[in-house]
């Protein structure tokens, strides 16, 4: 059974937004301290943890050793829950259950 990935946390979204704006404005990623200052994290360890989680999810990659070399990976389109195909002619009630034969 395949599990859907968890949605990003608000903090992860904020970190991605900082990276995205830095890449657009300056052409390279922000430093860990710059990210922390913009998202309200005073600990560089906390910022590195968030970056590591984003990297593990495949949303960012580093082209070098430092986090400031990170780039965004093409984000897959968001999947909307409840729109799975149940096969041809399948019918389900409002709770996702198929009627008994």
C-alpha atoms as a PDB file:
ATOM      1  CA  UNK A   1       0.000   0.000   0.000  1.00  0.00           C
ATOM      2  CA  UNK A   2       1.455   3.350  -1.023  1.00  0.00           C
ATOM      3  CA  UNK A   3       1.248   6.198   1.475  1.00  0.00           C
ATOM      4  CA  UNK A   4       0.689   9.765   0.392  1.00  0.00           C
ATOM      5  CA  UNK A   5       3.498  12.104   1.444  1.00  0.00           C
ATOM      6  CA  UNK A   6       2.726  14.442   4.289  1.00  0.00           C
ATOM      7  CA  UNK A   7       2.043  18.027   3.309  1.00  0.00           C
ATOM      8  CA  UNK A   8       4.797  20.537   3.964  1.00  0.00           C
ATOM      9  CA  UNK A   9       4.740  22.318   7.288  1.00  0.00           C
ATOM     10  CA  UNK A  10       4.316  26.094   7.404  1.00  0.00           C
ATOM     11  CA  UNK A  11       7.987  26.430   8.311  1.00  0.00           C
ATOM     12  CA  UNK A  12       9.085  24.264   5.384  1.00  0.00           C
ATOM     13  CA  UNK A  13       6.923  26.356   3.059  1.00  0.00           C
ATOM     14  CA  UNK A  14       8.539  29.509   4.454  1.00  0.00           C
ATOM     15  CA  UNK A  15      12.050  28.107   3.947  1.00  0.00           C
ATOM     16  CA  UNK A  16      11.201  27.171   0.366  1.00  0.00           C
ATOM     17  CA  UNK A  17       9.836  30.677  -0.234  1.00  0.00           C
ATOM     18  CA  UNK A  18      13.081  32.227   1.055  1.00  0.00           C
ATOM     19  CA  UNK A  19      15.152  29.968  -1.195  1.00  0.00           C
ATOM     20  CA  UNK A  20      12.914  30.687  -4.180  1.00  0.00           C
ATOM     21  CA  UNK A  21      13.122  34.475  -3.708  1.00  0.00           C
ATOM     22  CA  UNK A  22      16.890  34.401  -3.155  1.00  0.00           C
ATOM     23  CA  UNK A  23      17.422  32.390  -6.323  1.00  0.00           C
ATOM     24  CA  UNK A  24      15.233  34.813  -8.274  1.00  0.00           C
ATOM     25  CA  UNK A  25      16.843  37.969  -6.843  1.00  0.00           C
ATOM     26  CA  UNK A  26      20.504  36.991  -6.572  1.00  0.00           C
ATOM     27  CA  UNK A  27      20.923  33.830  -8.617  1.00  0.00           C
ATOM     28  CA  UNK A  28      22.132  31.730  -5.688  1.00  0.00           C
ATOM     29  CA  UNK A  29      20.662  30.312  -2.520  1.00  0.00           C
ATOM     30  CA  UNK A  30      20.640  32.098   0.835  1.00  0.00           C
ATOM     31  CA  UNK A  31      22.959  31.219   3.696  1.00  0.00           C
ATOM     32  CA  UNK A  32      21.661  29.288   6.680  1.00  0.00           C
ATOM     33  CA  UNK A  33      21.757  32.461   8.797  1.00  0.00           C
ATOM     34  CA  UNK A  34      19.824  34.428   6.162  1.00  0.00           C
ATOM     35  CA  UNK A  35      17.128  31.755   6.074  1.00  0.00           C
ATOM     36  CA  UNK A  36      16.934  31.738   9.861  1.00  0.00           C
ATOM     37  CA  UNK A  37      16.585  35.510  10.032  1.00  0.00           C
ATOM     38  CA  UNK A  38      13.789  35.543   7.459  1.00  0.00           C
ATOM     39  CA  UNK A  39      11.740  32.661   8.887  1.00  0.00           C
ATOM     40  CA  UNK A  40      12.285  33.403  12.569  1.00  0.00           C
ATOM     41  CA  UNK A  41      14.726  30.647  13.538  1.00  0.00           C
ATOM     42  CA  UNK A  42      17.679  31.747  15.647  1.00  0.00           C
ATOM     43  CA  UNK A  43      19.375  28.344  15.670  1.00  0.00           C
ATOM     44  CA  UNK A  44      21.376  27.432  12.577  1.00  0.00           C
ATOM     45  CA  UNK A  45      20.898  23.818  13.591  1.00  0.00           C
ATOM     46  CA  UNK A  46      17.122  24.223  13.273  1.00  0.00           C
ATOM     47  CA  UNK A  47      17.521  25.753   9.820  1.00  0.00           C
ATOM     48  CA  UNK A  48      19.851  22.931   8.759  1.00  0.00           C
ATOM     49  CA  UNK A  49      17.290  20.407  10.030  1.00  0.00           C
ATOM     50  CA  UNK A  50      14.543  22.001   7.905  1.00  0.00           C
ATOM     51  CA  UNK A  51      16.839  22.060   4.873  1.00  0.00           C
ATOM     52  CA  UNK A  52      17.724  18.411   5.433  1.00  0.00           C
ATOM     53  CA  UNK A  53      14.047  17.454   5.530  1.00  0.00           C
ATOM     54  CA  UNK A  54      13.410  19.353   2.282  1.00  0.00           C
ATOM     55  CA  UNK A  55      16.403  17.647   0.695  1.00  0.00           C
ATOM     56  CA  UNK A  56      15.176  14.228   1.869  1.00  0.00           C
ATOM     57  CA  UNK A  57      11.800  14.924   0.259  1.00  0.00           C
ATOM     58  CA  UNK A  58      13.556  15.745  -3.006  1.00  0.00           C
ATOM     59  CA  UNK A  59      12.439  19.389  -3.117  1.00  0.00           C
ATOM     60  CA  UNK A  60      15.953  20.864  -3.007  1.00  0.00           C
ATOM     61  CA  UNK A  61      19.433  19.608  -3.866  1.00  0.00           C
ATOM     62  CA  UNK A  62      22.864  20.999  -3.155  1.00  0.00           C
ATOM     63  CA  UNK A  63      25.286  21.503  -6.011  1.00  0.00           C
ATOM     64  CA  UNK A  64      28.161  21.957  -3.588  1.00  0.00           C
ATOM     65  CA  UNK A  65      28.992  21.398   0.043  1.00  0.00           C
ATOM     66  CA  UNK A  66      27.191  24.398   1.557  1.00  0.00           C
ATOM     67  CA  UNK A  67      23.464  24.945   1.837  1.00  0.00           C
ATOM     68  CA  UNK A  68      23.812  28.215  -0.061  1.00  0.00           C
ATOM     69  CA  UNK A  69      24.444  26.104  -3.176  1.00  0.00           C
ATOM     70  CA  UNK A  70      20.982  24.558  -3.004  1.00  0.00           C
ATOM     71  CA  UNK A  71      18.626  24.744  -5.939  1.00  0.00           C
ATOM     72  CA  UNK A  72      14.965  23.887  -6.233  1.00  0.00           C
ATOM     73  CA  UNK A  73      13.986  20.628  -7.843  1.00  0.00           C
ATOM     74  CA  UNK A  74      11.026  20.789 -10.194  1.00  0.00           C
ATOM     75  CA  UNK A  75       8.053  20.401  -7.892  1.00  0.00           C
ATOM     76  CA  UNK A  76       5.554  17.716  -8.865  1.00  0.00           C
ATOM     77  CA  UNK A  77       1.956  18.892  -9.230  1.00  0.00           C
ATOM     78  CA  UNK A  78      -0.026  18.662  -6.023  1.00  0.00           C
ATOM     79  CA  UNK A  79      -2.308  15.658  -5.842  1.00  0.00           C
ATOM     80  CA  UNK A  80      -5.829  16.315  -4.745  1.00  0.00           C
ATOM     81  CA  UNK A  81      -7.152  13.749  -2.275  1.00  0.00           C
ATOM     82  CA  UNK A  82     -10.072  11.623  -3.324  1.00  0.00           C
ATOM     83  CA  UNK A  83      -9.463  11.741  -7.069  1.00  0.00           C
ATOM     84  CA  UNK A  84      -7.992   8.269  -7.496  1.00  0.00           C
ATOM     85  CA  UNK A  85      -9.323   6.165 -10.299  1.00  0.00           C
ATOM     86  CA  UNK A  86     -11.186   3.112  -9.107  1.00  0.00           C
ATOM     87  CA  UNK A  87     -11.233   1.514 -12.514  1.00  0.00           C
ATOM     88  CA  UNK A  88     -13.812   1.551 -15.276  1.00  0.00           C
ATOM     89  CA  UNK A  89     -17.410   1.680 -14.142  1.00  0.00           C
ATOM     90  CA  UNK A  90     -16.588   1.676 -10.429  1.00  0.00           C
ATOM     91  CA  UNK A  91     -19.037   3.530  -8.237  1.00  0.00           C
ATOM     92  CA  UNK A  92     -18.524   4.545  -4.619  1.00  0.00           C
ATOM     93  CA  UNK A  93     -20.739   6.112  -2.014  1.00  0.00           C
ATOM     94  CA  UNK A  94     -19.832   9.376  -0.263  1.00  0.00           C
ATOM     95  CA  UNK A  95     -17.454   7.520   2.046  1.00  0.00           C
ATOM     96  CA  UNK A  96     -15.366   5.922  -0.687  1.00  0.00           C
ATOM     97  CA  UNK A  97     -16.918   2.477  -0.245  1.00  0.00           C
ATOM     98  CA  UNK A  98     -18.245   0.434  -3.108  1.00  0.00           C
ATOM     99  CA  UNK A  99     -21.802  -0.828  -2.792  1.00  0.00           C
ATOM    100  CA  UNK A 100     -22.225  -4.511  -1.990  1.00  0.00           C
ATOM    101  CA  UNK A 101     -23.053  -6.698  -5.032  1.00  0.00           C
END
